[in-house]
N, C-alpha and C. Protein backbone atom coordinates (compact mmCIF):
# COMPACT_ATOMS: atom_id res chain seq x y z
N MET A 1 -18.12 -101.02 131.22
CA MET A 1 -17.45 -100.28 130.20
C MET A 1 -17.82 -98.77 130.54
N SER A 2 -16.58 -98.26 130.42
CA SER A 2 -16.92 -96.59 130.74
C SER A 2 -17.27 -95.75 129.50
N LYS A 3 -18.11 -94.96 129.81
CA LYS A 3 -18.36 -93.86 128.60
C LYS A 3 -17.74 -92.42 128.38
N SER A 4 -17.45 -91.94 127.71
CA SER A 4 -16.99 -90.39 127.33
C SER A 4 -17.84 -89.61 127.03
N SER A 5 -17.30 -88.37 126.70
CA SER A 5 -18.50 -87.31 126.27
C SER A 5 -18.18 -87.36 124.62
N ALA A 6 -17.51 -87.98 124.15
CA ALA A 6 -17.27 -88.17 122.57
C ALA A 6 -18.47 -88.94 122.05
N LYS A 7 -19.04 -88.47 120.62
CA LYS A 7 -20.22 -88.89 119.98
C LYS A 7 -19.62 -90.14 119.01
N CYS A 8 -20.40 -90.79 118.85
CA CYS A 8 -20.11 -91.96 117.84
C CYS A 8 -20.71 -91.26 116.52
N PRO A 9 -19.69 -91.37 115.80
CA PRO A 9 -19.91 -90.80 113.97
C PRO A 9 -21.02 -91.36 113.62
N GLN A 10 -21.33 -92.79 113.79
CA GLN A 10 -22.55 -93.27 113.31
C GLN A 10 -24.16 -92.93 113.87
N CYS A 11 -24.25 -92.83 114.83
CA CYS A 11 -25.25 -92.62 115.53
C CYS A 11 -25.64 -91.46 116.57
N GLY A 12 -24.39 -90.67 116.73
CA GLY A 12 -24.57 -89.94 117.98
C GLY A 12 -24.54 -90.02 119.34
N LYS A 13 -24.88 -91.25 119.66
CA LYS A 13 -24.58 -91.76 121.09
C LYS A 13 -23.31 -91.76 121.62
N PRO A 14 -23.21 -91.61 122.93
CA PRO A 14 -22.04 -91.49 123.70
C PRO A 14 -21.06 -92.92 123.30
N THR A 15 -19.65 -92.61 123.08
CA THR A 15 -18.83 -93.63 122.87
C THR A 15 -18.39 -94.62 123.83
N VAL A 16 -18.13 -95.98 123.74
CA VAL A 16 -18.01 -96.95 124.77
C VAL A 16 -16.43 -97.22 124.33
N GLN A 17 -15.53 -97.15 125.51
CA GLN A 17 -14.06 -97.48 125.04
C GLN A 17 -13.68 -98.62 124.35
N ALA A 18 -14.58 -99.75 124.39
CA ALA A 18 -14.06 -101.25 123.78
C ALA A 18 -14.57 -100.80 122.32
N TYR A 19 -15.09 -99.69 121.82
CA TYR A 19 -15.52 -99.83 120.33
C TYR A 19 -15.11 -98.29 119.94
N ARG A 20 -14.48 -97.73 121.05
CA ARG A 20 -14.07 -96.11 120.34
C ARG A 20 -13.21 -96.12 118.86
N PRO A 21 -14.00 -95.21 118.11
CA PRO A 21 -14.72 -94.03 118.29
C PRO A 21 -16.30 -94.37 118.41
N PHE A 22 -16.52 -95.57 118.23
CA PHE A 22 -17.99 -95.96 118.08
C PHE A 22 -18.26 -96.16 119.32
N CYS A 23 -19.90 -96.54 119.40
CA CYS A 23 -20.81 -96.79 120.83
C CYS A 23 -20.90 -98.17 120.97
N SER A 24 -20.92 -99.01 119.71
CA SER A 24 -21.14 -100.28 119.75
C SER A 24 -20.36 -101.14 118.66
N LYS A 25 -20.49 -102.41 118.68
CA LYS A 25 -19.84 -103.15 117.88
C LYS A 25 -20.82 -103.06 116.41
N ARG A 26 -22.09 -102.70 116.51
CA ARG A 26 -23.00 -102.62 115.26
C ARG A 26 -22.14 -101.19 114.43
N CYS A 27 -22.31 -100.20 114.93
CA CYS A 27 -21.93 -99.10 114.75
C CYS A 27 -20.48 -98.81 113.82
N ALA A 28 -19.50 -99.90 114.68
CA ALA A 28 -18.05 -100.16 114.15
C ALA A 28 -18.49 -101.07 112.89
N ASP A 29 -19.28 -101.74 112.84
CA ASP A 29 -19.31 -102.76 111.44
C ASP A 29 -20.01 -101.73 110.40
N LEU A 30 -20.89 -101.30 110.70
CA LEU A 30 -21.76 -100.32 109.89
C LEU A 30 -20.68 -99.41 109.02
N ASP A 31 -19.59 -98.86 109.84
CA ASP A 31 -18.67 -98.14 109.23
C ASP A 31 -17.64 -98.84 108.20
N LEU A 32 -17.02 -99.96 108.99
CA LEU A 32 -16.46 -100.80 108.10
C LEU A 32 -16.86 -101.08 106.61
N GLY A 33 -18.34 -101.54 106.85
CA GLY A 33 -19.17 -101.91 105.48
C GLY A 33 -18.90 -100.82 104.51
N LYS A 34 -19.24 -99.43 105.08
CA LYS A 34 -19.10 -98.54 104.22
C LYS A 34 -17.88 -98.32 103.54
N TRP A 35 -16.57 -98.59 104.34
CA TRP A 35 -15.19 -98.55 103.74
C TRP A 35 -15.25 -99.49 102.67
N LEU A 36 -15.85 -100.70 102.91
CA LEU A 36 -15.42 -101.90 102.01
C LEU A 36 -16.08 -101.74 100.76
N ASN A 37 -17.49 -100.96 101.13
CA ASN A 37 -18.21 -101.01 99.96
C ASN A 37 -17.99 -99.80 98.90
N GLU A 38 -16.74 -99.13 99.51
CA GLU A 38 -16.39 -97.92 98.71
C GLU A 38 -17.37 -96.70 98.85
N SER A 39 -18.07 -96.69 99.75
CA SER A 39 -19.03 -95.35 100.15
C SER A 39 -18.14 -94.44 100.70
N TYR A 40 -16.95 -94.35 101.45
CA TYR A 40 -16.07 -93.50 101.79
C TYR A 40 -14.90 -93.35 100.59
N VAL A 41 -14.62 -92.47 100.52
CA VAL A 41 -13.40 -92.16 99.46
C VAL A 41 -12.40 -91.50 99.83
N LEU A 42 -11.20 -91.56 99.84
CA LEU A 42 -9.96 -90.65 99.91
C LEU A 42 -9.80 -89.42 99.13
N PRO A 43 -9.87 -88.06 98.97
CA PRO A 43 -9.60 -87.20 98.01
C PRO A 43 -8.41 -87.45 97.01
N GLY A 44 -8.46 -87.25 95.89
CA GLY A 44 -7.08 -87.50 95.45
C GLY A 44 -7.21 -87.66 93.94
N ASP A 45 -6.41 -88.04 93.04
CA ASP A 45 -6.76 -88.21 91.80
C ASP A 45 -6.77 -89.61 91.46
N SER A 46 -7.96 -90.31 90.58
CA SER A 46 -8.54 -91.16 90.50
C SER A 46 -8.01 -92.06 89.26
N GLU A 47 -7.05 -91.41 88.50
CA GLU A 47 -6.46 -91.92 87.23
C GLU A 47 -5.04 -92.52 87.59
N ILE A 48 -4.67 -93.35 86.90
CA ILE A 48 -3.30 -94.20 87.11
C ILE A 48 -2.11 -93.73 86.57
N PRO A 49 -1.16 -92.97 86.93
CA PRO A 49 -0.30 -92.19 86.31
C PRO A 49 0.22 -93.25 85.16
N ASP A 50 0.85 -92.45 84.11
CA ASP A 50 1.18 -93.07 82.72
C ASP A 50 2.55 -94.02 83.16
N ASP A 51 3.45 -93.46 83.87
CA ASP A 51 4.75 -94.16 84.19
C ASP A 51 4.43 -95.64 85.06
N ILE A 52 3.42 -95.89 85.47
CA ILE A 52 3.03 -97.18 86.12
C ILE A 52 2.50 -98.06 85.01
N SER A 53 2.82 -99.08 84.95
CA SER A 53 2.39 -100.13 83.91
C SER A 53 2.42 -101.44 84.59
N ASP A 54 1.37 -102.37 83.98
CA ASP A 54 0.99 -103.62 84.37
C ASP A 54 2.15 -104.65 84.16
N GLU A 55 3.01 -104.30 83.19
CA GLU A 55 3.87 -105.01 82.76
C GLU A 55 5.06 -105.26 84.02
N GLY A 56 5.69 -106.19 84.13
CA GLY A 56 6.78 -106.55 85.19
C GLY A 56 8.15 -106.09 84.46
């Protein structure tokens, strides 16, 4: 596996092409876990607009 000069966003080690932008499956899985546990959030309104209802 080839290495690049990019750094893994989880641990800072050089990335590996197979797991890019991460250095390993472990770091990729840690990042996925943070998304699934809602540790990462996208900025925006957290409220549901009034014109959207649950009724069909």
